[in-house]
Amino acid sequence: SCISSTTSSTYYADSVKGRFTISRDNAKNTVYLQMPNLQPKDTAV
């Protein structure tokens, strides 16, 4: 997944689209990846 710098537009790979959510918290200088309902296929670094 990725998120843009200006409008915070988001993009997702087909394998995670509809499941994961990317977001920014600029006050915390941090980008997040919310991953609900994880499955064994998501195992990775």
All heavy atoms as atom14 arrays in JSON, in Angstrom:
{
  "sequence": "SCISSTTSSTYYADSVKGRFTISRDNAKNTVYLQMPNLQPKDTAV",
  "atom14_mask": [
    [1, 1, 1, 1, 1, 1, 0, 0, 0, 0, 0, 0, 0, 0],
    [1, 1, 1, 1, 1, 1, 0, 0, 0, 0, 0, 0, 0, 0],
    [1, 1, 1, 1, 1, 1, 1, 1, 0, 0, 0, 0, 0, 0],
    [1, 1, 1, 1, 1, 1, 0, 0, 0, 0, 0, 0, 0, 0],
    [1, 1, 1, 1, 1, 1, 0, 0, 0, 0, 0, 0, 0, 0],
    [1, 1, 1, 1, 1, 1, 1, 0, 0, 0, 0, 0, 0, 0],
    [1, 1, 1, 1, 1, 1, 1, 0, 0, 0, 0, 0, 0, 0],
    [1, 1, 1, 1, 1, 1, 0, 0, 0, 0, 0, 0, 0, 0],
    [1, 1, 1, 1, 1, 1, 0, 0, 0, 0, 0, 0, 0, 0],
    [1, 1, 1, 1, 1, 1, 1, 0, 0, 0, 0, 0, 0, 0],
    [1, 1, 1, 1, 1, 1, 1, 1, 1, 1, 1, 1, 0, 0],
    [1, 1, 1, 1, 1, 1, 1, 1, 1, 1, 1, 1, 0, 0],
    [1, 1, 1, 1, 1, 0, 0, 0, 0, 0, 0, 0, 0, 0],
    [1, 1, 1, 1, 1, 1, 1, 1, 0, 0, 0, 0, 0, 0],
    [1, 1, 1, 1, 1, 1, 0, 0, 0, 0, 0, 0, 0, 0],
    [1, 1, 1, 1, 1, 1, 1, 0, 0, 0, 0, 0, 0, 0],
    [1, 1, 1, 1, 1, 1, 1, 1, 1, 0, 0, 0, 0, 0],
    [1, 1, 1, 1, 0, 0, 0, 0, 0, 0, 0, 0, 0, 0],
    [1, 1, 1, 1, 1, 1, 1, 1, 1, 1, 1, 0, 0, 0],
    [1, 1, 1, 1, 1, 1, 1, 1, 1, 1, 1, 0, 0, 0],
    [1, 1, 1, 1, 1, 1, 1, 0, 0, 0, 0, 0, 0, 0],
    [1, 1, 1, 1, 1, 1, 1, 1, 0, 0, 0, 0, 0, 0],
    [1, 1, 1, 1, 1, 1, 0, 0, 0, 0, 0, 0, 0, 0],
    [1, 1, 1, 1, 1, 1, 1, 1, 1, 1, 1, 0, 0, 0],
    [1, 1, 1, 1, 1, 1, 1, 1, 0, 0, 0, 0, 0, 0],
    [1, 1, 1, 1, 1, 1, 1, 1, 0, 0, 0, 0, 0, 0],
    [1, 1, 1, 1, 1, 0, 0, 0, 0, 0, 0, 0, 0, 0],
    [1, 1, 1, 1, 1, 1, 1, 1, 1, 0, 0, 0, 0, 0],
    [1, 1, 1, 1, 1, 1, 1, 1, 0, 0, 0, 0, 0, 0],
    [1, 1, 1, 1, 1, 1, 1, 0, 0, 0, 0, 0, 0, 0],
    [1, 1, 1, 1, 1, 1, 1, 0, 0, 0, 0, 0, 0, 0],
    [1, 1, 1, 1, 1, 1, 1, 1, 1, 1, 1, 1, 0, 0],
    [1, 1, 1, 1, 1, 1, 1, 1, 0, 0, 0, 0, 0, 0],
    [1, 1, 1, 1, 1, 1, 1, 1, 1, 0, 0, 0, 0, 0],
    [1, 1, 1, 1, 1, 1, 1, 1, 0, 0, 0, 0, 0, 0],
    [1, 1, 1, 1, 1, 1, 1, 0, 0, 0, 0, 0, 0, 0],
    [1, 1, 1, 1, 1, 1, 1, 1, 0, 0, 0, 0, 0, 0],
    [1, 1, 1, 1, 1, 1, 1, 1, 0, 0, 0, 0, 0, 0],
    [1, 1, 1, 1, 1, 1, 1, 1, 1, 0, 0, 0, 0, 0],
    [1, 1, 1, 1, 1, 1, 1, 0, 0, 0, 0, 0, 0, 0],
    [1, 1, 1, 1, 1, 1, 1, 1, 1, 0, 0, 0, 0, 0],
    [1, 1, 1, 1, 1, 1, 1, 1, 0, 0, 0, 0, 0, 0],
    [1, 1, 1, 1, 1, 1, 1, 0, 0, 0, 0, 0, 0, 0],
    [1, 1, 1, 1, 1, 0, 0, 0, 0, 0, 0, 0, 0, 0],
    [1, 1, 1, 1, 1, 1, 1, 0, 0, 0, 0, 0, 0, 0]
  ],
  "atom14_positions": [
    [[0.84, -1.18, 0.0], [0.0, 0.0, 0.0], [0.88, 1.24, 0.0], [2.03, 1.19, 0.41], [-0.9, -0.01, 1.24], [-1.75, 1.13, 1.27], [0.0, 0.0, 0.0], [0.0, 0.0, 0.0], [0.0, 0.0, 0.0], [0.0, 0.0, 0.0], [0.0, 0.0, 0.0], [0.0, 0.0, 0.0], [0.0, 0.0, 0.0], [0.0, 0.0, 0.0]],
    [[0.33, 2.36, -0.45], [1.05, 3.62, -0.34], [0.06, 4.76, -0.18], [-1.12, 4.63, -0.49], [1.99, 3.86, -1.53], [1.18, 4.01, -3.13], [0.0, 0.0, 0.0], [0.0, 0.0, 0.0], [0.0, 0.0, 0.0], [0.0, 0.0, 0.0], [0.0, 0.0, 0.0], [0.0, 0.0, 0.0], [0.0, 0.0, 0.0], [0.0, 0.0, 0.0]],
    [[0.59, 5.89, 0.3], [-0.23, 7.06, 0.55], [0.51, 8.29, 0.06], [1.72, 8.42, 0.27], [-0.6, 7.16, 2.05], [-1.58, 8.31, 2.31], [0.65, 7.29, 2.91], [-2.21, 8.24, 3.69], [0.0, 0.0, 0.0], [0.0, 0.0, 0.0], [0.0, 0.0, 0.0], [0.0, 0.0, 0.0], [0.0, 0.0, 0.0], [0.0, 0.0, 0.0]],
    [[-0.19, 9.19, -0.59], [0.44, 10.35, -1.19], [0.75, 11.42, -0.14], [0.29, 11.36, 1.0], [-0.44, 10.93, -2.29], [-1.6, 11.54, -1.76], [0.0, 0.0, 0.0], [0.0, 0.0, 0.0], [0.0, 0.0, 0.0], [0.0, 0.0, 0.0], [0.0, 0.0, 0.0], [0.0, 0.0, 0.0], [0.0, 0.0, 0.0], [0.0, 0.0, 0.0]],
    [[1.5, 12.43, -0.56], [1.99, 13.44, 0.37], [1.07, 14.65, 0.49], [1.12, 15.36, 1.5], [3.37, 13.92, -0.06], [3.33, 14.48, -1.36], [0.0, 0.0, 0.0], [0.0, 0.0, 0.0], [0.0, 0.0, 0.0], [0.0, 0.0, 0.0], [0.0, 0.0, 0.0], [0.0, 0.0, 0.0], [0.0, 0.0, 0.0], [0.0, 0.0, 0.0]],
    [[0.25, 14.93, -0.5], [-0.57, 16.14, -0.5], [-2.03, 15.87, -0.15], [-2.55, 16.39, 0.83], [-0.49, 16.84, -1.86], [-0.84, 15.92, -2.9], [0.93, 17.35, -2.11], [0.0, 0.0, 0.0], [0.0, 0.0, 0.0], [0.0, 0.0, 0.0], [0.0, 0.0, 0.0], [0.0, 0.0, 0.0], [0.0, 0.0, 0.0], [0.0, 0.0, 0.0]],
    [[-2.68, 15.05, -0.94], [-4.09, 14.75, -0.72], [-4.32, 13.51, 0.12], [-5.46, 13.18, 0.44], [-4.81, 14.57, -2.06], [-4.27, 13.45, -2.75], [-4.66, 15.81, -2.93], [0.0, 0.0, 0.0], [0.0, 0.0, 0.0], [0.0, 0.0, 0.0], [0.0, 0.0, 0.0], [0.0, 0.0, 0.0], [0.0, 0.0, 0.0], [0.0, 0.0, 0.0]],
    [[-3.25, 12.8, 0.46], [-3.34, 11.54, 1.18], [-4.16, 10.5, 0.43], [-4.86, 9.69, 1.04], [-3.89, 11.76, 2.59], [-2.97, 12.49, 3.38], [0.0, 0.0, 0.0], [0.0, 0.0, 0.0], [0.0, 0.0, 0.0], [0.0, 0.0, 0.0], [0.0, 0.0, 0.0], [0.0, 0.0, 0.0], [0.0, 0.0, 0.0], [0.0, 0.0, 0.0]],
    [[-4.09, 10.54, -0.89], [-4.71, 9.5, -1.69], [-4.03, 8.17, -1.39], [-2.82, 8.11, -1.17], [-4.58, 9.82, -3.18], [-5.27, 11.01, -3.49], [0.0, 0.0, 0.0], [0.0, 0.0, 0.0], [0.0, 0.0, 0.0], [0.0, 0.0, 0.0], [0.0, 0.0, 0.0], [0.0, 0.0, 0.0], [0.0, 0.0, 0.0], [0.0, 0.0, 0.0]],
    [[-4.8, 7.1, -1.41], [-4.29, 5.8, -1.02], [-4.39, 4.8, -2.16], [-5.29, 4.89, -3.01], [-5.03, 5.25, 0.2], [-6.44, 5.16, -0.1], [-4.84, 6.17, 1.4], [0.0, 0.0, 0.0], [0.0, 0.0, 0.0], [0.0, 0.0, 0.0], [0.0, 0.0, 0.0], [0.0, 0.0, 0.0], [0.0, 0.0, 0.0], [0.0, 0.0, 0.0]],
    [[-3.48, 3.83, -2.14], [-3.43, 2.79, -3.15], [-3.12, 1.47, -2.46], [-2.35, 1.43, -1.51], [-2.37, 3.12, -4.2], [-2.55, 4.48, -4.81], [-1.97, 5.59, -4.22], [-3.31, 4.66, -5.96], [-2.15, 6.85, -4.76], [-3.49, 5.91, -6.5], [-2.91, 7.01, -5.9], [-3.09, 8.26, -6.45], [0.0, 0.0, 0.0], [0.0, 0.0, 0.0]],
    [[-3.71, 0.39, -2.99], [-3.56, -0.92, -2.37], [-3.3, -1.99, -3.41], [-3.87, -1.96, -4.5], [-4.82, -1.29, -1.58], [-5.14, -0.34, -0.46], [-6.01, 0.72, -0.66], [-4.58, -0.51, 0.8], [-6.3, 1.6, 0.37], [-4.87, 0.36, 1.83], [-5.73, 1.42, 1.61], [-6.02, 2.29, 2.63], [0.0, 0.0, 0.0], [0.0, 0.0, 0.0]],
    [[-2.46, -2.94, -3.05], [-2.28, -4.12, -3.87], [-3.55, -4.95, -3.84], [-4.32, -4.92, -2.87], [-1.1, -4.94, -3.36], [0.0, 0.0, 0.0], [0.0, 0.0, 0.0], [0.0, 0.0, 0.0], [0.0, 0.0, 0.0], [0.0, 0.0, 0.0], [0.0, 0.0, 0.0], [0.0, 0.0, 0.0], [0.0, 0.0, 0.0], [0.0, 0.0, 0.0]],
    [[-3.78, -5.7, -4.91], [-4.99, -6.52, -4.99], [-5.09, -7.5, -3.82], [-6.2, -7.82, -3.37], [-5.02, -7.29, -6.3], [-5.27, -6.4, -7.5], [-5.77, -5.27, -7.31], [-4.99, -6.84, -8.63], [0.0, 0.0, 0.0], [0.0, 0.0, 0.0], [0.0, 0.0, 0.0], [0.0, 0.0, 0.0], [0.0, 0.0, 0.0], [0.0, 0.0, 0.0]],
    [[-3.96, -7.95, -3.33], [-3.95, -8.94, -2.27], [-4.48, -8.42, -0.94], [-4.88, -9.2, -0.08], [-2.54, -9.5, -2.07], [-1.63, -8.46, -1.74], [0.0, 0.0, 0.0], [0.0, 0.0, 0.0], [0.0, 0.0, 0.0], [0.0, 0.0, 0.0], [0.0, 0.0, 0.0], [0.0, 0.0, 0.0], [0.0, 0.0, 0.0], [0.0, 0.0, 0.0]],
    [[-4.48, -7.09, -0.77], [-4.93, -6.51, 0.5], [-6.05, -5.51, 0.35], [-6.61, -5.05, 1.36], [-3.76, -5.84, 1.25], [-2.61, -6.81, 1.44], [-3.28, -4.58, 0.53], [0.0, 0.0, 0.0], [0.0, 0.0, 0.0], [0.0, 0.0, 0.0], [0.0, 0.0, 0.0], [0.0, 0.0, 0.0], [0.0, 0.0, 0.0], [0.0, 0.0, 0.0]],
    [[-6.41, -5.17, -0.87], [-7.46, -4.19, -1.11], [-8.77, -4.66, -0.48], [-9.18, -5.8, -0.66], [-7.64, -3.95, -2.6], [-8.53, -2.76, -2.94], [-8.52, -2.49, -4.43], [-9.29, -1.24, -4.78], [-9.24, -0.94, -6.23], [0.0, 0.0, 0.0], [0.0, 0.0, 0.0], [0.0, 0.0, 0.0], [0.0, 0.0, 0.0], [0.0, 0.0, 0.0]],
    [[-9.4, -3.76, 0.25], [-10.62, -4.09, 0.95], [-10.4, -4.67, 2.33], [-11.38, -4.9, 3.06], [0.0, 0.0, 0.0], [0.0, 0.0, 0.0], [0.0, 0.0, 0.0], [0.0, 0.0, 0.0], [0.0, 0.0, 0.0], [0.0, 0.0, 0.0], [0.0, 0.0, 0.0], [0.0, 0.0, 0.0], [0.0, 0.0, 0.0], [0.0, 0.0, 0.0]],
    [[-9.15, -4.91, 2.69], [-8.84, -5.46, 4.0], [-7.98, -4.51, 4.83], [-8.32, -4.24, 5.99], [-8.11, -6.8, 3.86], [-8.91, -7.88, 3.16], [-8.29, -9.25, 3.38], [-6.94, -9.34, 2.84], [-5.88, -9.75, 3.53], [-6.01, -10.1, 4.81], [-4.69, -9.83, 2.95], [0.0, 0.0, 0.0], [0.0, 0.0, 0.0], [0.0, 0.0, 0.0]],
    [[-6.88, -4.03, 4.28], [-5.96, -3.16, 5.01], [-6.28, -1.7, 4.75], [-6.85, -1.34, 3.71], [-4.51, -3.43, 4.6], [-4.0, -4.79, 4.98], [-4.78, -5.71, 5.65], [-2.69, -5.15, 4.65], [-4.3, -6.96, 5.99], [-2.2, -6.39, 4.99], [-3.0, -7.3, 5.66], [0.0, 0.0, 0.0], [0.0, 0.0, 0.0], [0.0, 0.0, 0.0]],
    [[-5.87, -0.84, 5.68], [-6.08, 0.59, 5.55], [-4.81, 1.34, 5.92], [-4.28, 1.15, 7.01], [-7.23, 1.09, 6.44], [-8.44, 0.4, 6.11], [-7.45, 2.58, 6.24], [0.0, 0.0, 0.0], [0.0, 0.0, 0.0], [0.0, 0.0, 0.0], [0.0, 0.0, 0.0], [0.0, 0.0, 0.0], [0.0, 0.0, 0.0], [0.0, 0.0, 0.0]],
    [[-4.33, 2.18, 5.01], [-3.16, 3.02, 5.28], [-3.65, 4.42, 5.63], [-4.64, 4.91, 5.08], [-2.2, 3.04, 4.07], [-0.88, 3.7, 4.43], [-2.84, 3.72, 2.87], [0.19, 3.56, 3.34], [0.0, 0.0, 0.0], [0.0, 0.0, 0.0], [0.0, 0.0, 0.0], [0.0, 0.0, 0.0], [0.0, 0.0, 0.0], [0.0, 0.0, 0.0]],
    [[-2.95, 5.08, 6.54], [-3.34, 6.42, 6.96], [-2.13, 7.18, 7.48], [-1.09, 6.59, 7.77], [-4.44, 6.36, 8.03], [-3.97, 5.72, 9.2], [0.0, 0.0, 0.0], [0.0, 0.0, 0.0], [0.0, 0.0, 0.0], [0.0, 0.0, 0.0], [0.0, 0.0, 0.0], [0.0, 0.0, 0.0], [0.0, 0.0, 0.0], [0.0, 0.0, 0.0]],
    [[-2.3, 8.49, 7.59], [-1.27, 9.36, 8.14], [-1.76, 10.07, 9.39], [-2.94, 10.43, 9.5], [-0.87, 10.45, 7.13], [-0.07, 10.03, 5.93], [0.23, 11.26, 5.08], [1.03, 10.96, 3.9], [2.36, 11.0, 3.87], [3.04, 11.33, 4.96], [3.0, 10.72, 2.74], [0.0, 0.0, 0.0], [0.0, 0.0, 0.0], [0.0, 0.0, 0.0]],
    [[-0.85, 10.31, 10.32], [-1.07, 11.23, 11.42], [0.11, 12.19, 11.39], [1.17, 11.91, 11.94], [-1.16, 10.52, 12.76], [-1.57, 11.45, 13.88], [-1.34, 12.67, 13.77], [-2.13, 10.97, 14.88], [0.0, 0.0, 0.0], [0.0, 0.0, 0.0], [0.0, 0.0, 0.0], [0.0, 0.0, 0.0], [0.0, 0.0, 0.0], [0.0, 0.0, 0.0]],
    [[-0.08, 13.31, 10.71], [1.03, 14.24, 10.51], [1.52, 14.85, 11.82], [2.7, 15.17, 11.95], [0.62, 15.34, 9.54], [0.41, 14.82, 8.13], [1.03, 13.84, 7.72], [-0.48, 15.46, 7.38], [0.0, 0.0, 0.0], [0.0, 0.0, 0.0], [0.0, 0.0, 0.0], [0.0, 0.0, 0.0], [0.0, 0.0, 0.0], [0.0, 0.0, 0.0]],
    [[0.63, 15.01, 12.78], [1.04, 15.55, 14.08], [2.03, 14.62, 14.77], [2.88, 15.08, 15.54], [-0.17, 15.78, 14.96], [0.0, 0.0, 0.0], [0.0, 0.0, 0.0], [0.0, 0.0, 0.0], [0.0, 0.0, 0.0], [0.0, 0.0, 0.0], [0.0, 0.0, 0.0], [0.0, 0.0, 0.0], [0.0, 0.0, 0.0], [0.0, 0.0, 0.0]],
    [[1.92, 13.33, 14.52], [2.82, 12.35, 15.1], [3.94, 11.94, 14.15], [4.77, 11.1, 14.5], [2.05, 11.12, 15.55], [1.06, 11.39, 16.66], [0.36, 10.11, 17.11], [-0.58, 10.39, 18.25], [-1.28, 9.15, 18.7], [0.0, 0.0, 0.0], [0.0, 0.0, 0.0], [0.0, 0.0, 0.0], [0.0, 0.0, 0.0], [0.0, 0.0, 0.0]],
    [[3.93, 12.52, 12.94], [4.97, 12.23, 11.96], [5.05, 10.72, 11.68], [6.13, 10.14, 11.57], [6.33, 12.74, 12.44], [7.25, 13.14, 11.31], [6.81, 13.48, 10.21], [8.55, 13.11, 11.57], [0.0, 0.0, 0.0], [0.0, 0.0, 0.0], [0.0, 0.0, 0.0], [0.0, 0.0, 0.0], [0.0, 0.0, 0.0], [0.0, 0.0, 0.0]],
    [[3.87, 10.12, 11.53], [3.77, 8.67, 11.45], [2.75, 8.25, 10.4], [1.72, 8.91, 10.22], [3.37, 8.08, 12.81], [4.37, 8.41, 13.79], [3.24, 6.56, 12.75], [0.0, 0.0, 0.0], [0.0, 0.0, 0.0], [0.0, 0.0, 0.0], [0.0, 0.0, 0.0], [0.0, 0.0, 0.0], [0.0, 0.0, 0.0], [0.0, 0.0, 0.0]],
    [[3.04, 7.15, 9.72], [2.1, 6.5, 8.82], [1.75, 5.13, 9.4], [2.62, 4.43, 9.91], [2.69, 6.36, 7.4], [1.81, 5.47, 6.53], [2.83, 7.73, 6.76], [0.0, 0.0, 0.0], [0.0, 0.0, 0.0], [0.0, 0.0, 0.0], [0.0, 0.0, 0.0], [0.0, 0.0, 0.0], [0.0, 0.0, 0.0], [0.0, 0.0, 0.0]],
    [[0.48, 4.77, 9.3], [0.01, 3.52, 9.88], [-0.49, 2.57, 8.8], [-0.87, 2.97, 7.7], [-1.14, 3.78, 10.85], [-0.79, 4.69, 11.99], [-1.14, 6.04, 11.97], [-0.11, 4.21, 13.1], [-0.82, 6.88, 13.02], [0.21, 5.04, 14.15], [-0.15, 6.38, 14.11], [0.17, 7.2, 15.16], [0.0, 0.0, 0.0], [0.0, 0.0, 0.0]],
    [[-0.5, 1.29, 9.14], [-1.16, 0.29, 8.33], [-2.04, -0.54, 9.25], [-1.53, -1.32, 10.06], [-0.15, -0.61, 7.6], [-0.75, -1.63, 6.64], [-1.4, -0.92, 5.45], [0.31, -2.61, 6.15], [0.0, 0.0, 0.0], [0.0, 0.0, 0.0], [0.0, 0.0, 0.0], [0.0, 0.0, 0.0], [0.0, 0.0, 0.0], [0.0, 0.0, 0.0]],
    [[-3.35, -0.35, 9.15], [-4.3, -1.11, 9.94], [-4.6, -2.42, 9.24], [-4.98, -2.42, 8.06], [-5.59, -0.31, 10.14], [-6.61, -0.99, 11.04], [-6.15, -1.04, 12.48], [-5.65, -0.06, 13.01], [-6.33, -2.19, 13.12], [0.0, 0.0, 0.0], [0.0, 0.0, 0.0], [0.0, 0.0, 0.0], [0.0, 0.0, 0.0], [0.0, 0.0, 0.0]],
    [[-4.44, -3.52, 9.95], [-4.57, -4.85, 9.36], [-5.54, -5.69, 10.19], [-5.13, -6.38, 11.13], [-3.21, -5.54, 9.26], [-2.15, -4.72, 8.53], [-0.65, -5.67, 8.22], [-0.14, -6.01, 9.91], [0.0, 0.0, 0.0], [0.0, 0.0, 0.0], [0.0, 0.0, 0.0], [0.0, 0.0, 0.0], [0.0, 0.0, 0.0], [0.0, 0.0, 0.0]],
    [[-6.83, -5.63, 9.85], [-7.8, -6.47, 10.56], [-7.91, -7.85, 9.93], [-7.47, -8.06, 8.79], [-9.1, -5.68, 10.37], [-8.94, -5.07, 9.01], [-7.47, -4.73, 8.89], [0.0, 0.0, 0.0], [0.0, 0.0, 0.0], [0.0, 0.0, 0.0], [0.0, 0.0, 0.0], [0.0, 0.0, 0.0], [0.0, 0.0, 0.0], [0.0, 0.0, 0.0]],
    [[-8.49, -8.76, 10.66], [-8.79, -10.1, 10.14], [-7.6, -10.72, 9.42], [-7.71, -11.17, 8.27], [-10.01, -10.03, 9.22], [-10.56, -11.39, 8.87], [-10.43, -12.34, 9.65], [-11.18, -11.51, 7.71], [0.0, 0.0, 0.0], [0.0, 0.0, 0.0], [0.0, 0.0, 0.0], [0.0, 0.0, 0.0], [0.0, 0.0, 0.0], [0.0, 0.0, 0.0]],
    [[-6.49, -10.76, 10.09], [-5.27, -11.29, 9.48], [-5.37, -12.78, 9.21], [-6.0, -13.53, 9.96], [-4.07, -11.0, 10.38], [-3.61, -9.55, 10.37], [-2.74, -9.26, 11.58], [-2.85, -9.25, 9.09], [0.0, 0.0, 0.0], [0.0, 0.0, 0.0], [0.0, 0.0, 0.0], [0.0, 0.0, 0.0], [0.0, 0.0, 0.0], [0.0, 0.0, 0.0]],
    [[-4.72, -13.2, 8.14], [-4.7, -14.59, 7.71], [-3.26, -15.06, 7.58], [-2.34, -14.25, 7.44], [-5.43, -14.74, 6.39], [-6.89, -14.29, 6.42], [-7.71, -15.06, 7.43], [-7.64, -16.3, 7.48], [-8.5, -14.36, 8.23], [0.0, 0.0, 0.0], [0.0, 0.0, 0.0], [0.0, 0.0, 0.0], [0.0, 0.0, 0.0], [0.0, 0.0, 0.0]],
    [[-3.03, -16.38, 7.61], [-1.66, -16.9, 7.49], [-0.92, -16.37, 6.27], [0.3, -16.2, 6.32], [-1.87, -18.41, 7.42], [-3.1, -18.64, 8.24], [-3.99, -17.47, 7.92], [0.0, 0.0, 0.0], [0.0, 0.0, 0.0], [0.0, 0.0, 0.0], [0.0, 0.0, 0.0], [0.0, 0.0, 0.0], [0.0, 0.0, 0.0], [0.0, 0.0, 0.0]],
    [[-1.61, -16.12, 5.17], [-0.97, -15.61, 3.97], [-0.36, -14.22, 4.16], [0.45, -13.78, 3.34], [-1.95, -15.56, 2.8], [-3.1, -14.58, 2.99], [-4.07, -14.62, 1.82], [-5.22, -13.64, 2.03], [-6.19, -13.69, 0.9], [0.0, 0.0, 0.0], [0.0, 0.0, 0.0], [0.0, 0.0, 0.0], [0.0, 0.0, 0.0], [0.0, 0.0, 0.0]],
    [[-0.75, -13.53, 5.22], [-0.21, -12.21, 5.51], [1.1, -12.26, 6.28], [1.7, -11.22, 6.54], [-1.23, -11.39, 6.31], [-2.52, -11.15, 5.55], [-2.45, -10.8, 4.35], [-3.6, -11.32, 6.16], [0.0, 0.0, 0.0], [0.0, 0.0, 0.0], [0.0, 0.0, 0.0], [0.0, 0.0, 0.0], [0.0, 0.0, 0.0], [0.0, 0.0, 0.0]],
    [[1.53, -13.44, 6.66], [2.78, -13.59, 7.4], [3.95, -13.1, 6.56], [4.16, -13.56, 5.43], [3.01, -15.05, 7.81], [1.99, -15.44, 8.75], [4.37, -15.23, 8.46], [0.0, 0.0, 0.0], [0.0, 0.0, 0.0], [0.0, 0.0, 0.0], [0.0, 0.0, 0.0], [0.0, 0.0, 0.0], [0.0, 0.0, 0.0], [0.0, 0.0, 0.0]],
    [[4.72, -12.16, 7.1], [5.84, -11.57, 6.38], [6.54, -10.57, 7.28], [6.02, -10.2, 8.33], [5.36, -10.86, 5.1], [0.0, 0.0, 0.0], [0.0, 0.0, 0.0], [0.0, 0.0, 0.0], [0.0, 0.0, 0.0], [0.0, 0.0, 0.0], [0.0, 0.0, 0.0], [0.0, 0.0, 0.0], [0.0, 0.0, 0.0], [0.0, 0.0, 0.0]],
    [[7.71, -10.14, 6.83], [8.33, -8.96, 7.42], [7.81, -7.75, 6.66], [7.87, -7.7, 5.43], [9.87, -9.02, 7.34], [10.48, -7.76, 7.92], [10.38, -10.25, 8.08], [0.0, 0.0, 0.0], [0.0, 0.0, 0.0], [0.0, 0.0, 0.0], [0.0, 0.0, 0.0], [0.0, 0.0, 0.0], [0.0, 0.0, 0.0], [0.0, 0.0, 0.0]]
  ]
}
